[in-house]
Amino acid sequence: MHITASHVVFARTVPRVRFGAILVLGFMLAASCGGGSSVPAAKTAATVDTILPTPAESLLTNGSASASVVRGLALLTATRDSLPAHVGNELRCTSCHLNKGRKPFGNTWVGVSGRYPSYFARVGATVSLEDRINECFVRSLNGKALAAGSADLRDIVAYMTWLSSMVPAGGVRWGLAVDSLAPLPPDTVRGKSQFAMYCARCHGADGQSGKSLGIANPGPPLWGKGSFSVGSDMSRSRIVAAFVHHHMPFDAPGFVADSISYDVAGFILTRPRPDFAGKELDWPKGDAPPDLAYKTKGQATAAAPKKP
């Protein structure tokens, strides 16, 4: 079964299945595809596509377990159309999680189901995969969280679990992290000119998406009310720079040098975007990353002089 545009409608209608059935399907698919092997560390985004093992969509059947996986993918690829009450901008999940979550260094979902529950420094607590998904709905999609135990949330988890079925639980895979570049200071003036040179032809000169350009696959809005919020992971310059370096321009990924990637990221992140209420409560233990675009109470507490 291959995913098509028709699955946007299908996403609303297929039956639900128990989570355990997805695990059974995942193990079956992993066995049929040979499983995954450990990955050498010295790899680049250009070669890593061949070493992140994922199951083939052609192995999905018409059964209920496969239907749940297909519906989850449909929700992730047509998020705004399928879940309009939960999306407040013009993005979809696969705007940032490239190639249906399979793309190395593209916020891949491969292996994600085996990494949760886990400690999440931004909230200072252990979170579930469902919690992490809802963080993205609220922050990156500037929307509303899915209800706990809802069919929508279960099917999204089902797809991510199926996609991760060839990766050992808790296994560390090369290409999972998008913040893979050493930090560099951005030149936002040069970034503006580089944006015009490399990015505007897909995202528009105003950064509001390339829909008005008449191109087949326009880029999503990079700032303004249609883009991700200040509280999103993508509001960090190191993450945006790595994303640009590995994947942009979309027809020539890896072409842009590290320094230019930071310049472009710096320029993009100076543009206005939706605020995120409560962002000052992030990283409550004061361990916020240095490229965070806003101040937190945890930072202030950590920096305060200690009483004798």
C-alpha atoms as a PDB file:
ATOM      1  CA  MET A   1       0.000   0.000   0.000  1.00  0.00           C
ATOM      2  CA  HIS A   2       1.447   3.372  -0.996  1.00  0.00           C
ATOM      3  CA  ILE A   3       0.468   6.693   0.554  1.00  0.00           C
ATOM      4  CA  THR A   4      -1.442   9.037  -1.769  1.00  0.00           C
ATOM      5  CA  ALA A   5      -3.404  12.257  -1.468  1.00  0.00           C
ATOM      6  CA  SER A   6      -6.582  10.240  -1.077  1.00  0.00           C
ATOM      7  CA  HIS A   7      -5.390   9.110   2.344  1.00  0.00           C
ATOM      8  CA  VAL A   8      -6.158  12.603   3.707  1.00  0.00           C
ATOM      9  CA  VAL A   9      -9.807  11.575   3.606  1.00  0.00           C
ATOM     10  CA  PHE A  10      -8.913   8.007   4.543  1.00  0.00           C
ATOM     11  CA  ALA A  11      -7.217   9.388   7.654  1.00  0.00           C
ATOM     12  CA  ARG A  12     -10.578  10.338   9.098  1.00  0.00           C
ATOM     13  CA  THR A  13     -12.338   7.056   8.418  1.00  0.00           C
ATOM     14  CA  VAL A  14     -10.151   3.983   8.936  1.00  0.00           C
ATOM     15  CA  PRO A  15     -10.727   1.810  12.011  1.00  0.00           C
ATOM     16  CA  ARG A  16      -8.484   2.046  15.078  1.00  0.00           C
ATOM     17  CA  VAL A  17      -6.377  -0.793  16.415  1.00  0.00           C
ATOM     18  CA  ARG A  18      -4.748  -1.563  19.713  1.00  0.00           C
ATOM     19  CA  PHE A  19      -1.173  -0.350  20.135  1.00  0.00           C
ATOM     20  CA  GLY A  20       0.074  -3.881  20.750  1.00  0.00           C
ATOM     21  CA  ALA A  21      -0.989  -4.897  17.254  1.00  0.00           C
ATOM     22  CA  ILE A  22       1.304  -2.240  15.839  1.00  0.00           C
ATOM     23  CA  LEU A  23       4.233  -3.677  17.741  1.00  0.00           C
ATOM     24  CA  VAL A  24       3.494  -7.113  16.301  1.00  0.00           C
ATOM     25  CA  LEU A  25       3.353  -5.630  12.815  1.00  0.00           C
ATOM     26  CA  GLY A  26       6.605  -3.782  13.450  1.00  0.00           C
ATOM     27  CA  PHE A  27       8.458  -6.901  14.530  1.00  0.00           C
ATOM     28  CA  MET A  28       7.140  -8.798  11.499  1.00  0.00           C
ATOM     29  CA  LEU A  29       8.280  -6.073   9.136  1.00  0.00           C
ATOM     30  CA  ALA A  30      11.656  -5.788  10.833  1.00  0.00           C
ATOM     31  CA  ALA A  31      12.206  -9.522  10.448  1.00  0.00           C
ATOM     32  CA  SER A  32      11.193  -9.510   6.801  1.00  0.00           C
ATOM     33  CA  CYS A  33      13.565  -6.632   6.035  1.00  0.00           C
ATOM     34  CA  GLY A  34      16.556  -8.076   7.827  1.00  0.00           C
ATOM     35  CA  GLY A  35      16.684  -5.760  10.829  1.00  0.00           C
ATOM     36  CA  GLY A  36      19.184  -2.976  11.489  1.00  0.00           C
ATOM     37  CA  SER A  37      22.882  -2.995  12.184  1.00  0.00           C
ATOM     38  CA  SER A  38      25.048  -0.599  14.142  1.00  0.00           C
ATOM     39  CA  VAL A  39      26.064   2.561  12.314  1.00  0.00           C
ATOM     40  CA  PRO A  40      29.605   3.936  12.028  1.00  0.00           C
ATOM     41  CA  ALA A  41      30.018   7.411  13.445  1.00  0.00           C
ATOM     42  CA  ALA A  42      31.899   8.973  10.503  1.00  0.00           C
ATOM     43  CA  LYS A  43      28.991   9.486   8.134  1.00  0.00           C
ATOM     44  CA  THR A  44      27.494  12.509   6.422  1.00  0.00           C
ATOM     45  CA  ALA A  45      23.968  13.448   5.429  1.00  0.00           C
ATOM     46  CA  ALA A  46      24.822  12.580   1.842  1.00  0.00           C
ATOM     47  CA  THR A  47      25.502   8.915   2.656  1.00  0.00           C
ATOM     48  CA  VAL A  48      23.399   8.271   5.728  1.00  0.00           C
ATOM     49  CA  ASP A  49      20.181   7.630   3.789  1.00  0.00           C
ATOM     50  CA  THR A  50      21.366   4.085   3.190  1.00  0.00           C
ATOM     51  CA  ILE A  51      22.057   3.314   6.863  1.00  0.00           C
ATOM     52  CA  LEU A  52      18.878   4.343   8.643  1.00  0.00           C
ATOM     53  CA  PRO A  53      16.873   1.131   8.264  1.00  0.00           C
ATOM     54  CA  THR A  54      13.148   1.669   7.765  1.00  0.00           C
ATOM     55  CA  PRO A  55      10.337  -0.655   6.689  1.00  0.00           C
ATOM     56  CA  ALA A  56       8.910  -0.326   3.188  1.00  0.00           C
ATOM     57  CA  GLU A  57       5.398   1.021   2.716  1.00  0.00           C
ATOM     58  CA  SER A  58       4.821  -1.743   0.174  1.00  0.00           C
ATOM     59  CA  LEU A  59       4.748  -4.200   3.100  1.00  0.00           C
ATOM     60  CA  LEU A  60       1.662  -2.563   4.560  1.00  0.00           C
ATOM     61  CA  THR A  61      -1.522  -4.551   4.032  1.00  0.00           C
ATOM     62  CA  ASN A  62      -5.256  -3.887   4.149  1.00  0.00           C
ATOM     63  CA  GLY A  63      -5.422  -5.093   7.741  1.00  0.00           C
ATOM     64  CA  SER A  64      -6.400  -2.949  10.694  1.00  0.00           C
ATOM     65  CA  ALA A  65      -2.828  -2.571  11.998  1.00  0.00           C
ATOM     66  CA  SER A  66      -1.614  -1.250   8.655  1.00  0.00           C
ATOM     67  CA  ALA A  67      -4.665   1.010   8.438  1.00  0.00           C
ATOM     68  CA  SER A  68      -3.685   2.661  11.702  1.00  0.00           C
ATOM     69  CA  VAL A  69      -0.137   3.227  10.420  1.00  0.00           C
ATOM     70  CA  VAL A  70      -1.436   4.681   7.156  1.00  0.00           C
ATOM     71  CA  ARG A  71      -3.853   6.959   8.958  1.00  0.00           C
ATOM     72  CA  GLY A  72      -1.084   8.182  11.260  1.00  0.00           C
ATOM     73  CA  LEU A  73       1.083   9.056   8.282  1.00  0.00           C
ATOM     74  CA  ALA A  74      -1.832  10.824   6.594  1.00  0.00           C
ATOM     75  CA  LEU A  75      -2.305  12.981   9.697  1.00  0.00           C
ATOM     76  CA  LEU A  76       1.385  13.856   9.719  1.00  0.00           C
ATOM     77  CA  THR A  77       1.574  14.723   6.030  1.00  0.00           C
ATOM     78  CA  ALA A  78      -1.720  16.639   5.768  1.00  0.00           C
ATOM     79  CA  THR A  79      -1.871  17.898   9.320  1.00  0.00           C
ATOM     80  CA  ARG A  80      -3.703  21.156   8.803  1.00  0.00           C
ATOM     81  CA  ASP A  81      -6.331  19.630   6.507  1.00  0.00           C
ATOM     82  CA  SER A  82      -6.853  16.563   8.700  1.00  0.00           C
ATOM     83  CA  LEU A  83      -6.700  18.282  12.112  1.00  0.00           C
ATOM     84  CA  PRO A  84      -7.696  21.926  11.498  1.00  0.00           C
ATOM     85  CA  ALA A  85      -8.718  22.482  15.119  1.00  0.00           C
ATOM     86  CA  HIS A  86      -5.177  21.642  16.252  1.00  0.00           C
ATOM     87  CA  VAL A  87      -3.081  23.618  13.754  1.00  0.00           C
ATOM     88  CA  GLY A  88      -2.792  27.403  13.987  1.00  0.00           C
ATOM     89  CA  ASN A  89      -0.379  28.125  11.158  1.00  0.00           C
ATOM     90  CA  GLU A  90       0.384  26.979   7.613  1.00  0.00           C
ATOM     91  CA  LEU A  91       2.786  24.185   8.482  1.00  0.00           C
ATOM     92  CA  ARG A  92       2.365  20.436   8.661  1.00  0.00           C
ATOM     93  CA  CYS A  93       4.425  17.931  10.624  1.00  0.00           C
ATOM     94  CA  THR A  94       6.439  16.934   7.558  1.00  0.00           C
ATOM     95  CA  SER A  95       7.428  20.564   6.938  1.00  0.00           C
ATOM     96  CA  CYS A  96      10.170  19.947   9.498  1.00  0.00           C
ATOM     97  CA  HIS A  97      10.271  16.115   9.601  1.00  0.00           C
ATOM     98  CA  LEU A  98      11.398  15.460   6.055  1.00  0.00           C
ATOM     99  CA  ASN A  99      10.593  12.519   3.785  1.00  0.00           C
ATOM    100  CA  LYS A 100       7.783  11.285   6.044  1.00  0.00           C
ATOM    101  CA  GLY A 101      10.152  11.364   9.013  1.00  0.00           C
ATOM    102  CA  ARG A 102      12.717   9.116   7.315  1.00  0.00           C
ATOM    103  CA  LYS A 103      15.302  11.763   6.397  1.00  0.00           C
ATOM    104  CA  PRO A 104      18.567  11.677   8.371  1.00  0.00           C
ATOM    105  CA  PHE A 105      19.365  15.039   9.986  1.00  0.00           C
ATOM    106  CA  GLY A 106      15.839  16.086   8.980  1.00  0.00           C
ATOM    107  CA  ASN A 107      14.204  15.650  12.404  1.00  0.00           C
ATOM    108  CA  THR A 108      13.813  11.962  11.635  1.00  0.00           C
ATOM    109  CA  TRP A 109      11.257   9.848  13.501  1.00  0.00           C
ATOM    110  CA  VAL A 110      13.302   6.688  12.950  1.00  0.00           C
ATOM    111  CA  GLY A 111      13.963   5.210  16.376  1.00  0.00           C
ATOM    112  CA  VAL A 112      11.869   7.789  18.205  1.00  0.00           C
ATOM    113  CA  SER A 113       9.460   5.283  19.743  1.00  0.00           C
ATOM    114  CA  GLY A 114      12.356   3.550  21.502  1.00  0.00           C
ATOM    115  CA  ARG A 115      13.647   6.768  23.075  1.00  0.00           C
ATOM    116  CA  TYR A 116      10.551   7.632  25.064  1.00  0.00           C
ATOM    117  CA  PRO A 117       9.639   7.973  27.860  1.00  0.00           C
ATOM    118  CA  SER A 118      12.753  10.037  28.533  1.00  0.00           C
ATOM    119  CA  TYR A 119      13.923  13.116  30.383  1.00  0.00           C
ATOM    120  CA  PHE A 120      13.224  16.330  28.473  1.00  0.00           C
ATOM    121  CA  ALA A 121      15.288  19.269  29.699  1.00  0.00           C
ATOM    122  CA  ARG A 122      12.947  21.904  28.276  1.00  0.00           C
ATOM    123  CA  VAL A 123      10.214  20.885  30.708  1.00  0.00           C
ATOM    124  CA  GLY A 124      12.566  19.519  33.354  1.00  0.00           C
ATOM    125  CA  ALA A 125      10.737  16.190  33.597  1.00  0.00           C
ATOM    126  CA  THR A 126      10.323  12.792  31.991  1.00  0.00           C
ATOM    127  CA  VAL A 127       7.859  12.880  29.094  1.00  0.00           C
ATOM    128  CA  SER A 128       6.151  10.285  26.925  1.00  0.00           C
ATOM    129  CA  LEU A 129       6.209  10.171  23.130  1.00  0.00           C
ATOM    130  CA  GLU A 130       2.609  11.440  23.200  1.00  0.00           C
ATOM    131  CA  ASP A 131       3.722  14.418  25.319  1.00  0.00           C
ATOM    132  CA  ARG A 132       6.515  15.182  22.867  1.00  0.00           C
ATOM    133  CA  ILE A 133       4.156  15.021  19.889  1.00  0.00           C
ATOM    134  CA  ASN A 134       1.799  17.458  21.598  1.00  0.00           C
ATOM    135  CA  GLU A 135       4.699  19.804  22.310  1.00  0.00           C
ATOM    136  CA  CYS A 136       5.125  20.057  18.540  1.00  0.00           C
ATOM    137  CA  PHE A 137       1.430  20.683  17.960  1.00  0.00           C
ATOM    138  CA  VAL A 138       1.423  23.518  20.477  1.00  0.00           C
ATOM    139  CA  ARG A 139       4.766  25.093  19.607  1.00  0.00           C
ATOM    140  CA  SER A 140       5.758  24.262  16.032  1.00  0.00           C
ATOM    141  CA  LEU A 141       2.202  24.198  14.638  1.00  0.00           C
ATOM    142  CA  ASN A 142       1.120  27.046  16.937  1.00  0.00           C
ATOM    143  CA  GLY A 143      -1.982  25.008  17.698  1.00  0.00           C
ATOM    144  CA  LYS A 144      -3.661  22.848  20.319  1.00  0.00           C
ATOM    145  CA  ALA A 145      -2.649  19.529  21.852  1.00  0.00           C
ATOM    146  CA  LEU A 146      -4.406  16.325  20.848  1.00  0.00           C
ATOM    147  CA  ALA A 147      -6.509  14.716  23.554  1.00  0.00           C
ATOM    148  CA  ALA A 148      -4.764  12.026  25.584  1.00  0.00           C
ATOM    149  CA  GLY A 149      -5.889   8.598  24.417  1.00  0.00           C
ATOM    150  CA  SER A 150      -7.478   9.996  21.252  1.00  0.00           C
ATOM    151  CA  ALA A 151      -7.511   7.979  18.039  1.00  0.00           C
ATOM    152  CA  ASP A 152      -5.519  10.729  16.310  1.00  0.00           C
ATOM    153  CA  LEU A 153      -2.697  10.558  18.837  1.00  0.00           C
ATOM    154  CA  ARG A 154      -2.719   6.751  18.864  1.00  0.00           C
ATOM    155  CA  ASP A 155      -2.457   6.531  15.086  1.00  0.00           C
ATOM    156  CA  ILE A 156       0.396   9.041  14.922  1.00  0.00           C
ATOM    157  CA  VAL A 157       2.270   6.984  17.534  1.00  0.00           C
ATOM    158  CA  ALA A 158       1.440   3.853  15.520  1.00  0.00           C
ATOM    159  CA  TYR A 159       3.169   5.270  12.449  1.00  0.00           C
ATOM    160  CA  MET A 160       6.245   6.342  14.403  1.00  0.00           C
ATOM    161  CA  THR A 161       6.436   2.934  16.088  1.00  0.00           C
ATOM    162  CA  TRP A 162       6.156   1.159  12.733  1.00  0.00           C
ATOM    163  CA  LEU A 163       8.798   3.455  11.223  1.00  0.00           C
ATOM    164  CA  SER A 164      11.111   2.640  14.154  1.00  0.00           C
ATOM    165  CA  SER A 165      10.498  -1.111  14.023  1.00  0.00           C
ATOM    166  CA  MET A 166      13.938  -1.901  12.559  1.00  0.00           C
ATOM    167  CA  VAL A 167      15.859   0.079  15.177  1.00  0.00           C
ATOM    168  CA  PRO A 168      16.618  -1.601  18.530  1.00  0.00           C
ATOM    169  CA  ALA A 169      14.753  -0.030  21.440  1.00  0.00           C
ATOM    170  CA  GLY A 170      16.836   2.768  22.897  1.00  0.00           C
ATOM    171  CA  GLY A 171      19.453   2.353  20.162  1.00  0.00           C
ATOM    172  CA  VAL A 172      21.395   5.424  19.140  1.00  0.00           C
ATOM    173  CA  ARG A 173      21.404   5.888  15.382  1.00  0.00           C
ATOM    174  CA  TRP A 174      23.535   8.187  13.286  1.00  0.00           C
ATOM    175  CA  GLY A 175      21.575  11.022  11.724  1.00  0.00           C
ATOM    176  CA  LEU A 176      18.980  11.494  14.445  1.00  0.00           C
ATOM    177  CA  ALA A 177      20.113  14.938  15.591  1.00  0.00           C
ATOM    178  CA  VAL A 178      19.572  17.990  13.438  1.00  0.00           C
ATOM    179  CA  ASP A 179      21.757  20.272  15.611  1.00  0.00           C
ATOM    180  CA  SER A 180      24.873  18.669  14.161  1.00  0.00           C
ATOM    181  CA  LEU A 181      26.975  21.742  13.302  1.00  0.00           C
ATOM    182  CA  ALA A 182      29.485  23.419  15.592  1.00  0.00           C
ATOM    183  CA  PRO A 183      28.151  26.836  16.676  1.00  0.00           C
ATOM    184  CA  LEU A 184      29.210  29.887  14.655  1.00  0.00           C
ATOM    185  CA  PRO A 185      28.265  33.573  15.017  1.00  0.00           C
ATOM    186  CA  PRO A 186      25.798  34.588  12.278  1.00  0.00           C
ATOM    187  CA  ASP A 187      26.140  37.594   9.997  1.00  0.00           C
ATOM    188  CA  THR A 188      22.493  38.513   9.505  1.00  0.00           C
ATOM    189  CA  VAL A 189      23.253  41.134   6.845  1.00  0.00           C
ATOM    190  CA  ARG A 190      24.991  38.539   4.710  1.00  0.00           C
ATOM    191  CA  GLY A 191      22.241  36.096   5.678  1.00  0.00           C
ATOM    192  CA  LYS A 192      19.636  38.381   4.118  1.00  0.00           C
ATOM    193  CA  SER A 193      21.460  38.397   0.780  1.00  0.00           C
ATOM    194  CA  GLN A 194      22.081  34.658   0.939  1.00  0.00           C
ATOM    195  CA  PHE A 195      18.405  34.079   1.662  1.00  0.00           C
ATOM    196  CA  ALA A 196      17.539  36.022  -1.485  1.00  0.00           C
ATOM    197  CA  MET A 197      20.044  33.935  -3.446  1.00  0.00           C
ATOM    198  CA  TYR A 198      19.269  30.439  -2.190  1.00  0.00           C
ATOM    199  CA  CYS A 199      15.895  30.448  -0.424  1.00  0.00           C
ATOM    200  CA  ALA A 200      13.521  32.998  -1.938  1.00  0.00           C
ATOM    201  CA  ARG A 201      12.841  30.965  -5.067  1.00  0.00           C
ATOM    202  CA  CYS A 202      11.001  28.368  -2.937  1.00  0.00           C
ATOM    203  CA  HIS A 203       9.974  30.306   0.189  1.00  0.00           C
ATOM    204  CA  GLY A 204       9.241  33.679  -1.453  1.00  0.00           C
ATOM    205  CA  ALA A 205      11.211  36.901  -1.065  1.00  0.00           C
ATOM    206  CA  ASP A 206       9.009  37.762   1.908  1.00  0.00           C
ATOM    207  CA  GLY A 207       9.511  34.335   3.520  1.00  0.00           C
ATOM    208  CA  GLN A 208       5.771  33.673   3.469  1.00  0.00           C
ATOM    209  CA  SER A 209       6.002  30.485   1.359  1.00  0.00           C
ATOM    210  CA  GLY A 210       6.373  30.125  -2.365  1.00  0.00           C
ATOM    211  CA  LYS A 211       2.706  29.456  -3.118  1.00  0.00           C
ATOM    212  CA  SER A 212       2.417  32.628  -5.158  1.00  0.00           C
ATOM    213  CA  LEU A 213       5.417  31.637  -7.305  1.00  0.00           C
ATOM    214  CA  GLY A 214       3.532  28.887  -9.100  1.00  0.00           C
ATOM    215  CA  ILE A 215       6.135  26.216  -8.365  1.00  0.00           C
ATOM    216  CA  ALA A 216       5.245  22.559  -7.874  1.00  0.00           C
ATOM    217  CA  ASN A 217       6.571  22.180  -4.307  1.00  0.00           C
ATOM    218  CA  PRO A 218       6.644  25.595  -2.615  1.00  0.00           C
ATOM    219  CA  GLY A 219       8.518  25.944   0.638  1.00  0.00           C
ATOM    220  CA  PRO A 220       6.546  26.661   3.827  1.00  0.00           C
ATOM    221  CA  PRO A 221       6.501  30.093   5.491  1.00  0.00           C
ATOM    222  CA  LEU A 222       9.639  30.741   7.515  1.00  0.00           C
ATOM    223  CA  TRP A 223       8.348  33.651   9.569  1.00  0.00           C
ATOM    224  CA  GLY A 224       5.137  35.529  10.221  1.00  0.00           C
ATOM    225  CA  LYS A 225       1.849  34.185  11.581  1.00  0.00           C
ATOM    226  CA  GLY A 226       1.940  31.169   9.267  1.00  0.00           C
ATOM    227  CA  SER A 227       5.246  29.875  10.640  1.00  0.00           C
ATOM    228  CA  PHE A 228       6.500  28.209  13.835  1.00  0.00           C
ATOM    229  CA  SER A 229       6.408  30.011  17.176  1.00  0.00           C
ATOM    230  CA  VAL A 230       9.241  31.451  19.247  1.00  0.00           C
ATOM    231  CA  GLY A 231       8.894  28.438  21.555  1.00  0.00           C
ATOM    232  CA  SER A 232       9.565  25.878  18.805  1.00  0.00           C
ATOM    233  CA  ASP A 233      12.780  23.870  18.557  1.00  0.00           C
ATOM    234  CA  MET A 234      13.228  25.478  15.151  1.00  0.00           C
ATOM    235  CA  SER A 235      13.611  28.882  16.776  1.00  0.00           C
ATOM    236  CA  ARG A 236      17.168  27.897  17.754  1.00  0.00           C
ATOM    237  CA  SER A 237      19.847  29.081  15.342  1.00  0.00           C
ATOM    238  CA  ARG A 238      21.965  25.943  15.617  1.00  0.00           C
ATOM    239  CA  ILE A 239      19.042  23.722  14.643  1.00  0.00           C
ATOM    240  CA  VAL A 240      17.972  25.923  11.731  1.00  0.00           C
ATOM    241  CA  ALA A 241      21.564  26.216  10.490  1.00  0.00           C
ATOM    242  CA  ALA A 242      22.031  22.442  10.474  1.00  0.00           C
ATOM    243  CA  PHE A 243      18.691  21.999   8.724  1.00  0.00           C
ATOM    244  CA  VAL A 244      19.715  24.516   6.059  1.00  0.00           C
ATOM    245  CA  HIS A 245      23.159  22.978   5.641  1.00  0.00           C
ATOM    246  CA  HIS A 246      21.948  19.395   5.240  1.00  0.00           C
ATOM    247  CA  HIS A 247      18.778  19.932   3.225  1.00  0.00           C
ATOM    248  CA  MET A 248      18.715  23.306   1.485  1.00  0.00           C
ATOM    249  CA  PRO A 249      18.373  24.329  -1.266  1.00  0.00           C
ATOM    250  CA  PHE A 250      15.942  21.455  -1.640  1.00  0.00           C
ATOM    251  CA  ASP A 251      17.233  20.558  -5.104  1.00  0.00           C
ATOM    252  CA  ALA A 252      20.900  20.796  -4.055  1.00  0.00           C
ATOM    253  CA  PRO A 253      21.149  19.703  -0.394  1.00  0.00           C
ATOM    254  CA  GLY A 254      24.522  20.063   1.290  1.00  0.00           C
ATOM    255  CA  PHE A 255      25.618  22.822  -1.082  1.00  0.00           C
ATOM    256  CA  VAL A 256      25.496  25.658   1.459  1.00  0.00           C
ATOM    257  CA  ALA A 257      28.566  26.016   3.685  1.00  0.00           C
ATOM    258  CA  ASP A 258      28.354  25.946   7.489  1.00  0.00           C
ATOM    259  CA  SER A 259      29.002  29.691   7.879  1.00  0.00           C
ATOM    260  CA  ILE A 260      26.407  30.660   5.281  1.00  0.00           C
ATOM    261  CA  SER A 261      23.924  28.283   6.900  1.00  0.00           C
ATOM    262  CA  TYR A 262      24.344  30.165  10.180  1.00  0.00           C
ATOM    263  CA  ASP A 263      24.035  33.511   8.400  1.00  0.00           C
ATOM    264  CA  VAL A 264      20.754  32.439   6.781  1.00  0.00           C
ATOM    265  CA  ALA A 265      19.488  30.958  10.054  1.00  0.00           C
ATOM    266  CA  GLY A 266      20.367  34.147  11.899  1.00  0.00           C
ATOM    267  CA  PHE A 267      18.480  36.247   9.373  1.00  0.00           C
ATOM    268  CA  ILE A 268      15.398  34.001   9.407  1.00  0.00           C
ATOM    269  CA  LEU A 269      15.235  34.075  13.203  1.00  0.00           C
ATOM    270  CA  THR A 270      15.356  37.887  13.340  1.00  0.00           C
ATOM    271  CA  ARG A 271      12.040  37.989  11.483  1.00  0.00           C
ATOM    272  CA  PRO A 272       8.758  38.215  13.437  1.00  0.00           C
ATOM    273  CA  ARG A 273       6.877  35.054  14.339  1.00  0.00           C
ATOM    274  CA  PRO A 274       4.145  33.971  16.788  1.00  0.00           C
ATOM    275  CA  ASP A 275       4.975  34.295  20.468  1.00  0.00           C
ATOM    276  CA  PHE A 276       4.591  31.373  22.847  1.00  0.00           C
ATOM    277  CA  ALA A 277       2.893  32.016  26.163  1.00  0.00           C
ATOM    278  CA  GLY A 278       4.767  30.529  29.098  1.00  0.00           C
ATOM    279  CA  LYS A 279       8.112  30.228  27.322  1.00  0.00           C
ATOM    280  CA  GLU A 280       9.796  31.828  30.346  1.00  0.00           C
ATOM    281  CA  LEU A 281       9.086  28.597  32.250  1.00  0.00           C
ATOM    282  CA  ASP A 282      11.150  26.478  29.841  1.00  0.00           C
ATOM    283  CA  TRP A 283      14.370  24.821  31.068  1.00  0.00           C
ATOM    284  CA  PRO A 284      13.391  25.298  34.729  1.00  0.00           C
ATOM    285  CA  LYS A 285      16.733  23.922  35.923  1.00  0.00           C
ATOM    286  CA  GLY A 286      18.658  26.701  34.202  1.00  0.00           C
ATOM    287  CA  ASP A 287      20.269  24.494  31.553  1.00  0.00           C
ATOM    288  CA  ALA A 288      18.883  26.250  28.483  1.00  0.00           C
ATOM    289  CA  PRO A 289      20.992  25.973  25.298  1.00  0.00           C
ATOM    290  CA  PRO A 290      23.125  29.032  24.486  1.00  0.00           C
ATOM    291  CA  ASP A 291      21.314  29.719  21.194  1.00  0.00           C
ATOM    292  CA  LEU A 292      17.916  30.057  22.862  1.00  0.00           C
ATOM    293  CA  ALA A 293      16.136  33.156  21.538  1.00  0.00           C
ATOM    294  CA  TYR A 294      14.461  34.149  24.818  1.00  0.00           C
ATOM    295  CA  LYS A 295      15.151  34.411  28.520  1.00  0.00           C
ATOM    296  CA  THR A 296      13.846  31.955  31.085  1.00  0.00           C
ATOM    297  CA  LYS A 297      13.295  32.108  34.829  1.00  0.00           C
ATOM    298  CA  GLY A 298      15.553  29.091  35.183  1.00  0.00           C
ATOM    299  CA  GLN A 299      18.426  31.008  33.618  1.00  0.00           C
ATOM    300  CA  ALA A 300      17.937  33.890  36.025  1.00  0.00           C
ATOM    301  CA  THR A 301      17.839  31.543  39.015  1.00  0.00           C
ATOM    302  CA  ALA A 302      20.971  29.701  37.907  1.00  0.00           C
ATOM    303  CA  ALA A 303      22.831  32.991  37.365  1.00  0.00           C
ATOM    304  CA  ALA A 304      21.826  34.521  40.730  1.00  0.00           C
ATOM    305  CA  PRO A 305      24.535  34.709  43.413  1.00  0.00           C
ATOM    306  CA  LYS A 306      24.362  31.851  45.843  1.00  0.00           C
ATOM    307  CA  LYS A 307      23.587  32.706  49.451  1.00  0.00           C
ATOM    308  CA  PRO A 308      26.386  31.784  51.881  1.00  0.00           C
END
